[in-house]
Amino acid sequence: MDAGARGFLLKDRPPHELVDAIRRVAAGEQVIDSELAAQALRAPANPLSEREAEVLTCYAVGSDAKAIASQLHLSQGTVRNYLASATTKLDARNRVDAIRIDSEAGWIQPGRRG
């Protein structure tokens, strides 16, 4: 929704529901599958700060600390500190595990930076 999507449906919905949803979105409404909405309400909140999430997202798409530092106008040490903090907050074993946890929770947003 933050990226501007007007609707979310499970892809296995019956065709008539998909057609109805498309028409409603075209008319300016938002359409959200009730199962997806319930899952979203049960999902835990992202424990990472905005900056920790941003740095971890950059790292997840393959940027190293030097590139992230340059891109976000930070020092390499600060980038490493954000990565360590994110790893700790997610109770991850390492950075790769932090990316896995963040991704599985649906918090990682690779399109935002990287």
Protein backbone atom coordinates (compact mmCIF):
# COMPACT_ATOMS: atom_id res chain seq x y z
CA MET A 1 0.00 0.00 0.00
CA ASP A 2 2.92 2.34 0.75
CA ALA A 3 4.08 1.87 -2.84
CA GLY A 4 0.68 2.91 -4.20
CA ALA A 5 -1.07 -0.42 -4.70
CA ARG A 6 -4.83 -0.03 -4.67
CA GLY A 7 -5.63 -3.66 -4.00
CA PHE A 8 -4.35 -7.01 -2.80
CA LEU A 9 -5.99 -10.34 -3.51
CA LEU A 10 -4.84 -13.91 -3.31
CA LYS A 11 -4.18 -15.18 -6.82
CA ASP A 12 -6.38 -18.24 -6.34
CA ARG A 13 -9.57 -16.17 -5.93
CA PRO A 14 -12.43 -17.11 -8.28
CA PRO A 15 -12.41 -15.20 -11.58
CA HIS A 16 -15.61 -13.30 -10.79
CA GLU A 17 -14.00 -11.95 -7.58
CA LEU A 18 -10.92 -10.84 -9.50
CA VAL A 19 -13.06 -9.08 -12.13
CA ASP A 20 -15.12 -7.38 -9.41
CA ALA A 21 -11.94 -6.26 -7.63
CA ILE A 22 -10.48 -4.82 -10.85
CA ARG A 23 -13.66 -2.87 -11.48
CA ARG A 24 -13.71 -1.54 -7.92
CA VAL A 25 -10.08 -0.44 -8.11
CA ALA A 26 -10.75 1.22 -11.47
CA ALA A 27 -13.60 3.10 -9.78
CA GLY A 28 -11.16 4.43 -7.16
CA GLU A 29 -11.77 1.98 -4.32
CA GLN A 30 -9.18 -0.02 -2.44
CA VAL A 31 -9.66 -3.79 -2.37
CA ILE A 32 -7.92 -5.97 0.19
CA ASP A 33 -8.51 -9.69 0.61
CA SER A 34 -9.91 -10.35 4.08
CA GLU A 35 -7.46 -13.23 4.68
CA LEU A 36 -4.51 -10.99 3.85
CA ALA A 37 -5.85 -8.22 6.06
CA ALA A 38 -6.22 -10.62 8.99
CA GLN A 39 -2.66 -11.89 8.47
CA ALA A 40 -1.35 -8.33 8.41
CA LEU A 41 -3.09 -7.52 11.68
CA ARG A 42 -1.53 -10.58 13.33
CA ALA A 43 1.97 -9.91 11.99
CA PRO A 44 4.50 -8.54 14.47
CA ALA A 45 5.73 -4.99 13.99
CA ASN A 46 9.15 -4.46 12.45
CA PRO A 47 11.56 -3.89 15.36
CA LEU A 48 14.10 -2.08 13.17
CA SER A 49 14.47 1.67 12.95
CA GLU A 50 13.92 3.26 9.55
CA ARG A 51 17.69 3.61 9.06
CA GLU A 52 18.47 0.04 10.18
CA ALA A 53 15.87 -1.27 7.73
CA GLU A 54 17.27 0.93 4.96
CA VAL A 55 20.85 -0.28 5.54
CA LEU A 56 19.78 -3.93 5.81
CA THR A 57 17.75 -3.59 2.61
CA CYS A 58 20.77 -2.21 0.76
CA TYR A 59 22.89 -5.05 2.12
CA ALA A 60 20.23 -7.58 1.07
CA VAL A 61 20.46 -6.51 -2.56
CA GLY A 62 24.22 -7.01 -2.59
CA SER A 63 25.73 -3.66 -1.61
CA ASP A 64 28.76 -3.83 0.65
CA ALA A 65 29.39 -1.50 3.60
CA LYS A 66 31.49 0.89 1.50
CA ALA A 67 28.81 1.22 -1.19
CA ILE A 68 26.05 1.63 1.39
CA ALA A 69 28.06 4.27 3.20
CA SER A 70 28.56 6.21 0.00
CA GLN A 71 24.94 5.87 -1.09
CA LEU A 72 23.47 6.89 2.28
CA HIS A 73 26.16 9.44 3.17
CA LEU A 74 27.32 7.55 6.24
CA SER A 75 30.67 6.28 7.42
CA GLN A 76 31.47 2.60 6.90
CA GLY A 77 31.62 2.17 10.67
CA THR A 78 28.12 3.57 11.03
CA VAL A 79 26.87 1.17 8.37
CA ARG A 80 28.47 -1.74 10.22
CA ASN A 81 26.88 -0.51 13.47
CA TYR A 82 23.43 -0.39 11.84
CA LEU A 83 23.91 -3.90 10.44
CA ALA A 84 25.01 -5.19 13.86
CA SER A 85 22.08 -3.49 15.56
CA ALA A 86 19.61 -4.96 13.05
CA THR A 87 21.13 -8.41 13.52
CA THR A 88 20.79 -8.11 17.30
CA LYS A 89 17.23 -6.75 17.22
CA LEU A 90 16.12 -9.59 14.94
CA ASP A 91 17.89 -12.13 17.19
CA ALA A 92 19.71 -13.35 14.10
CA ARG A 93 22.91 -15.41 14.02
CA ASN A 94 24.50 -13.16 11.40
CA ARG A 95 23.65 -10.61 8.69
CA VAL A 96 22.43 -13.23 6.25
CA ASP A 97 20.12 -14.65 8.90
CA ALA A 98 18.89 -11.11 9.64
CA ILE A 99 18.01 -10.69 5.96
CA ARG A 100 16.18 -14.03 6.00
CA ILE A 101 14.18 -13.11 9.10
CA ASP A 102 13.36 -9.65 7.76
CA SER A 103 12.39 -11.01 4.36
CA GLU A 104 10.20 -13.80 5.73
CA ALA A 105 8.38 -11.25 7.89
CA GLY A 106 7.79 -9.13 4.79
CA TRP A 107 9.68 -6.12 6.13
CA ILE A 108 12.48 -5.93 3.55
CA GLN A 109 11.73 -3.49 0.72
CA PRO A 110 14.47 -3.93 -1.90
CA GLY A 111 12.80 -1.53 -4.34
CA ARG A 112 13.16 1.34 -1.88
CA ARG A 113 16.96 1.52 -1.97
CA GLY A 114 19.77 -0.46 -3.47
